[in-house]
Amino acid sequence: MGNQPEKALNRPKEDRSLKVTTNMNITT
């Protein structure tokens, strides 16, 4: 049970990282 919530929190973090990378690419 403790692993499930952690994974759910990790998912949004990865999504943010992807968005940041996309923003960096657009800036470049």
C-alpha atoms as a PDB file:
ATOM      1  CA  MET A   1       0.000   0.000   0.000  1.00  0.00           C
ATOM      2  CA  GLY A   2       2.873   2.364   0.824  1.00  0.00           C
ATOM      3  CA  ASN A   3       4.334   1.752  -2.630  1.00  0.00           C
ATOM      4  CA  GLN A   4       1.173   2.631  -4.513  1.00  0.00           C
ATOM      5  CA  PRO A   5       0.882   6.241  -3.266  1.00  0.00           C
ATOM      6  CA  GLU A   6       4.584   6.748  -3.855  1.00  0.00           C
ATOM      7  CA  LYS A   7       4.222   5.655  -7.481  1.00  0.00           C
ATOM      8  CA  ALA A   8       1.249   7.974  -7.943  1.00  0.00           C
ATOM      9  CA  LEU A   9       3.346  10.871  -6.625  1.00  0.00           C
ATOM     10  CA  ASN A  10       6.213   9.905  -8.906  1.00  0.00           C
ATOM     11  CA  ARG A  11       3.953   9.953 -11.944  1.00  0.00           C
ATOM     12  CA  PRO A  12       3.093  13.677 -11.759  1.00  0.00           C
ATOM     13  CA  LYS A  13       6.740  14.472 -11.082  1.00  0.00           C
ATOM     14  CA  GLU A  14       7.790  12.683 -14.266  1.00  0.00           C
ATOM     15  CA  ASP A  15       5.059  14.503 -16.170  1.00  0.00           C
ATOM     16  CA  ARG A  16       6.448  17.822 -14.957  1.00  0.00           C
ATOM     17  CA  SER A  17       9.948  16.831 -15.986  1.00  0.00           C
ATOM     18  CA  LEU A  18       8.671  15.979 -19.465  1.00  0.00           C
ATOM     19  CA  LYS A  19       6.920  19.337 -19.688  1.00  0.00           C
ATOM     20  CA  VAL A  20      10.068  21.147 -18.611  1.00  0.00           C
ATOM     21  CA  THR A  21      12.104  19.283 -21.220  1.00  0.00           C
ATOM     22  CA  THR A  22       9.572  20.204 -23.883  1.00  0.00           C
ATOM     23  CA  ASN A  23       9.712  23.846 -22.802  1.00  0.00           C
ATOM     24  CA  MET A  24      13.508  23.782 -22.967  1.00  0.00           C
ATOM     25  CA  ASN A  25      13.347  22.328 -26.472  1.00  0.00           C
ATOM     26  CA  ILE A  26      10.922  25.032 -27.575  1.00  0.00           C
ATOM     27  CA  THR A  27      13.179  27.715 -26.101  1.00  0.00           C
ATOM     28  CA  THR A  28      16.147  26.258 -27.920  1.00  0.00           C
END
